[in-house]
C-alpha atoms as a PDB file:
ATOM      1  CA  ASP A   1     -34.196 -34.089   0.767  1.00  0.00           C
ATOM      2  CA  PRO A   2     -30.099 -33.582   0.581  1.00  0.00           C
ATOM      3  CA  GLN A   3     -29.978 -32.217  -3.274  1.00  0.00           C
ATOM      4  CA  THR A   4     -31.927 -28.754  -1.730  1.00  0.00           C
ATOM      5  CA  LEU A   5     -29.765 -25.785  -2.756  1.00  0.00           C
ATOM      6  CA  ARG A   6     -28.440 -24.312   0.404  1.00  0.00           C
ATOM      7  CA  PRO A   7     -26.305 -20.258  -0.437  1.00  0.00           C
ATOM      8  CA  ALA A   8     -23.227 -19.840   0.306  1.00  0.00           C
ATOM      9  CA  PRO A   9     -22.852 -19.224   4.050  1.00  0.00           C
ATOM     10  CA  LYS A  10     -21.624 -14.724   4.310  1.00  0.00           C
ATOM     11  CA  ILE A  11     -18.283 -14.297   4.356  1.00  0.00           C
ATOM     12  CA  PHE A  12     -16.795 -11.843   6.807  1.00  0.00           C
ATOM     13  CA  LYS A  13     -13.495  -9.792   6.607  1.00  0.00           C
ATOM     14  CA  ASP A  14     -11.722 -11.929   9.157  1.00  0.00           C
ATOM     15  CA  ASP A  15     -12.397 -15.365   6.948  1.00  0.00           C
ATOM     16  CA  MET A  16     -10.702 -13.301   4.070  1.00  0.00           C
ATOM     17  CA  LYS A  17      -7.318 -12.206   5.976  1.00  0.00           C
ATOM     18  CA  ILE A  18      -4.491 -14.942   5.407  1.00  0.00           C
ATOM     19  CA  ASN A  19      -3.528 -17.422   7.729  1.00  0.00           C
ATOM     20  CA  TRP A  20       0.752 -17.781   7.105  1.00  0.00           C
ATOM     21  CA  SER A  21       0.901 -20.918   9.466  1.00  0.00           C
ATOM     22  CA  LYS A  22      -1.065 -22.734   6.808  1.00  0.00           C
ATOM     23  CA  ASN A  23       0.375 -24.036   4.045  1.00  0.00           C
ATOM     24  CA  ALA A  24       1.595 -22.437   0.715  1.00  0.00           C
ATOM     25  CA  THR A  25      -1.382 -24.342  -1.666  1.00  0.00           C
ATOM     26  CA  ASP A  26      -4.294 -23.879   0.863  1.00  0.00           C
ATOM     27  CA  VAL A  27      -2.834 -19.442   1.292  1.00  0.00           C
ATOM     28  CA  ILE A  28      -2.976 -19.782  -2.893  1.00  0.00           C
ATOM     29  CA  ASN A  29      -6.616 -21.671  -3.154  1.00  0.00           C
ATOM     30  CA  LEU A  30      -7.197 -18.877  -0.784  1.00  0.00           C
ATOM     31  CA  ILE A  31      -5.781 -15.313  -3.122  1.00  0.00           C
ATOM     32  CA  ARG A  32      -7.102 -17.583  -6.173  1.00  0.00           C
ATOM     33  CA  GLY A  33     -10.874 -18.282  -4.309  1.00  0.00           C
ATOM     34  CA  LEU A  34     -11.231 -14.403  -3.644  1.00  0.00           C
ATOM     35  CA  SER A  35      -9.724 -12.494  -6.292  1.00  0.00           C
ATOM     36  CA  PRO A  36     -10.815 -10.272  -7.418  1.00  0.00           C
ATOM     37  CA  TYR A  37     -13.101  -9.707  -5.314  1.00  0.00           C
ATOM     38  CA  PRO A  38     -13.557  -9.188  -2.298  1.00  0.00           C
ATOM     39  CA  ALA A  39      -9.875 -10.260  -2.066  1.00  0.00           C
ATOM     40  CA  ALA A  40      -7.872 -12.051   0.360  1.00  0.00           C
ATOM     41  CA  TRP A  41      -5.618  -9.769   2.613  1.00  0.00           C
ATOM     42  CA  THR A  42      -2.557  -9.714   4.770  1.00  0.00           C
ATOM     43  CA  GLU A  43      -0.458  -6.633   6.526  1.00  0.00           C
ATOM     44  CA  ILE A  44       2.655  -5.360   5.490  1.00  0.00           C
ATOM     45  CA  THR A  45       4.996  -3.153   7.985  1.00  0.00           C
ATOM     46  CA  ASP A  46       6.834   0.134   6.010  1.00  0.00           C
ATOM     47  CA  VAL A  47      10.595   0.745   6.949  1.00  0.00           C
ATOM     48  CA  LYS A  48       9.220   3.498   9.127  1.00  0.00           C
ATOM     49  CA  GLY A  49       7.337   1.033  11.518  1.00  0.00           C
ATOM     50  CA  ASP A  50       3.394   1.939  10.360  1.00  0.00           C
ATOM     51  CA  LEU A  51       0.966  -0.677   9.595  1.00  0.00           C
ATOM     52  CA  TYR A  52      -1.189  -0.844   6.222  1.00  0.00           C
ATOM     53  CA  SER A  53      -3.695  -3.454   4.542  1.00  0.00           C
ATOM     54  CA  LEU A  54      -3.078  -5.545   1.855  1.00  0.00           C
ATOM     55  CA  LYS A  55      -5.032  -7.028  -0.696  1.00  0.00           C
ATOM     56  CA  ILE A  56      -3.462  -9.587  -2.927  1.00  0.00           C
ATOM     57  CA  PHE A  57      -4.471 -10.364  -6.058  1.00  0.00           C
ATOM     58  CA  SER A  58      -2.104 -13.365  -7.262  1.00  0.00           C
ATOM     59  CA  ALA A  59       0.429 -15.310  -5.647  1.00  0.00           C
ATOM     60  CA  HIS A  60       3.140 -18.332  -6.911  1.00  0.00           C
ATOM     61  CA  ILE A  61       4.502 -20.517  -4.803  1.00  0.00           C
ATOM     62  CA  VAL A  62       8.213 -20.398  -4.659  1.00  0.00           C
ATOM     63  CA  TYR A  63      10.026 -23.016  -3.435  1.00  0.00           C
ATOM     64  CA  ASP A  64      13.526 -23.108  -3.627  1.00  0.00           C
ATOM     65  CA  HIS A  65      13.468 -20.052  -0.461  1.00  0.00           C
ATOM     66  CA  VAL A  66      12.757 -21.046   2.725  1.00  0.00           C
ATOM     67  CA  LEU A  67      11.007 -18.157   5.657  1.00  0.00           C
ATOM     68  CA  GLY A  68       9.524 -18.710   8.624  1.00  0.00           C
ATOM     69  CA  GLU A  69       5.658 -18.611   8.777  1.00  0.00           C
ATOM     70  CA  GLY A  70       4.325 -15.408   8.241  1.00  0.00           C
ATOM     71  CA  LYS A  71       8.180 -13.902   7.645  1.00  0.00           C
ATOM     72  CA  VAL A  72       8.430 -10.753   4.802  1.00  0.00           C
ATOM     73  CA  TYR A  73      11.342 -10.799   2.740  1.00  0.00           C
ATOM     74  CA  SER A  74      11.333  -7.433  -0.339  1.00  0.00           C
ATOM     75  CA  ASP A  75      14.672  -7.059  -3.239  1.00  0.00           C
ATOM     76  CA  GLY A  76      12.942  -3.496  -3.048  1.00  0.00           C
ATOM     77  CA  LYS A  77      12.629  -3.988  -6.770  1.00  0.00           C
ATOM     78  CA  LYS A  78      10.522  -6.266  -7.864  1.00  0.00           C
ATOM     79  CA  LEU A  79      10.550  -9.054  -5.420  1.00  0.00           C
ATOM     80  CA  LEU A  80       7.554  -9.318  -2.154  1.00  0.00           C
ATOM     81  CA  ILE A  81       7.469 -12.503  -0.912  1.00  0.00           C
ATOM     82  CA  PHE A  82       6.013 -14.171   2.460  1.00  0.00           C
ATOM     83  CA  GLY A  83       6.517 -17.372   3.814  1.00  0.00           C
ATOM     84  CA  ALA A  84       3.492 -20.215   5.151  1.00  0.00           C
ATOM     85  CA  SER A  85       4.300 -23.083   6.760  1.00  0.00           C
ATOM     86  CA  ASP A  86       6.095 -25.069   4.044  1.00  0.00           C
ATOM     87  CA  HIS A  87       7.265 -21.989   0.909  1.00  0.00           C
ATOM     88  CA  ALA A  88       7.247 -19.714   0.294  1.00  0.00           C
ATOM     89  CA  ILE A  89       4.733 -17.249  -1.672  1.00  0.00           C
ATOM     90  CA  ALA A  90       5.823 -14.467  -4.002  1.00  0.00           C
ATOM     91  CA  ILE A  91       3.339 -11.823  -4.790  1.00  0.00           C
ATOM     92  CA  ASP A  92       2.398 -10.634  -8.181  1.00  0.00           C
ATOM     93  CA  GLU A  93      -0.569  -8.258  -8.184  1.00  0.00           C
ATOM     94  CA  LEU A  94      -1.512  -6.319  -4.799  1.00  0.00           C
ATOM     95  CA  GLN A  95      -3.507  -3.006  -3.926  1.00  0.00           C
ATOM     96  CA  LEU A  96      -1.808  -1.371  -1.067  1.00  0.00           C
ATOM     97  CA  ASN A  97      -5.049   0.207   1.482  1.00  0.00           C
ATOM     98  CA  GLY A  98      -6.708   3.250  -0.840  1.00  0.00           C
ATOM     99  CA  LYS A  99      -4.945   2.626  -3.947  1.00  0.00           C
ATOM    100  CA  LYS A 100      -4.902   1.187  -6.789  1.00  0.00           C
ATOM    101  CA  ARG A 101      -3.773  -2.484  -8.238  1.00  0.00           C
ATOM    102  CA  MET A 102      -0.803  -2.974  -9.495  1.00  0.00           C
ATOM    103  CA  ASP A 103       1.876  -5.481  -9.903  1.00  0.00           C
ATOM    104  CA  VAL A 104       4.817  -5.672  -7.079  1.00  0.00           C
ATOM    105  CA  ALA A 105       7.484  -3.749  -9.208  1.00  0.00           C
ATOM    106  CA  SER A 106       5.173  -0.773  -9.673  1.00  0.00           C
ATOM    107  CA  LEU A 107       4.803  -1.367  -5.311  1.00  0.00           C
ATOM    108  CA  LEU A 108       8.384  -1.305  -4.966  1.00  0.00           C
ATOM    109  CA  ARG A 109       9.134   2.693  -6.809  1.00  0.00           C
ATOM    110  CA  GLY A 110       7.337   4.552  -3.804  1.00  0.00           C
ATOM    111  CA  PHE A 111       6.879   1.612  -0.912  1.00  0.00           C
ATOM    112  CA  LYS A 112       9.708   0.880   1.556  1.00  0.00           C
ATOM    113  CA  ILE A 113       8.539  -3.206   2.744  1.00  0.00           C
ATOM    114  CA  LYS A 114      10.341  -3.823   6.071  1.00  0.00           C
ATOM    115  CA  ASN A 115      11.879  -7.011   5.758  1.00  0.00           C
ATOM    116  CA  SER A 116      11.484  -9.276   8.487  1.00  0.00           C
ATOM    117  CA  ASP A 117      14.210 -10.673  10.570  1.00  0.00           C
ATOM    118  CA  ASN A 118      15.080 -14.342  10.396  1.00  0.00           C
END
């Protein structure tokens, strides 16, 4: 019977990792669909070269900023942008591994992100 309800497939950690080679709409939908729990995530490198896991709770598409796929840009104050396949995505709310949930400006006050070399 096609009307039979089936449980949703189990979500694994790899399913929640953001694939920056997808288009911006798909990435935003993944972030929205997994927020607040279990949350979409990606990895980010600080200026010392250490890799961190970053949960992303909300973000929006930026049409006037061009970055390559998976590239990262931050102004060090209020802006954290990742490049998807077609547009850039600005992060609004996030959580660094072991820290509490916060907005981007709060994170950037104490965390220096390594920008990608374009």
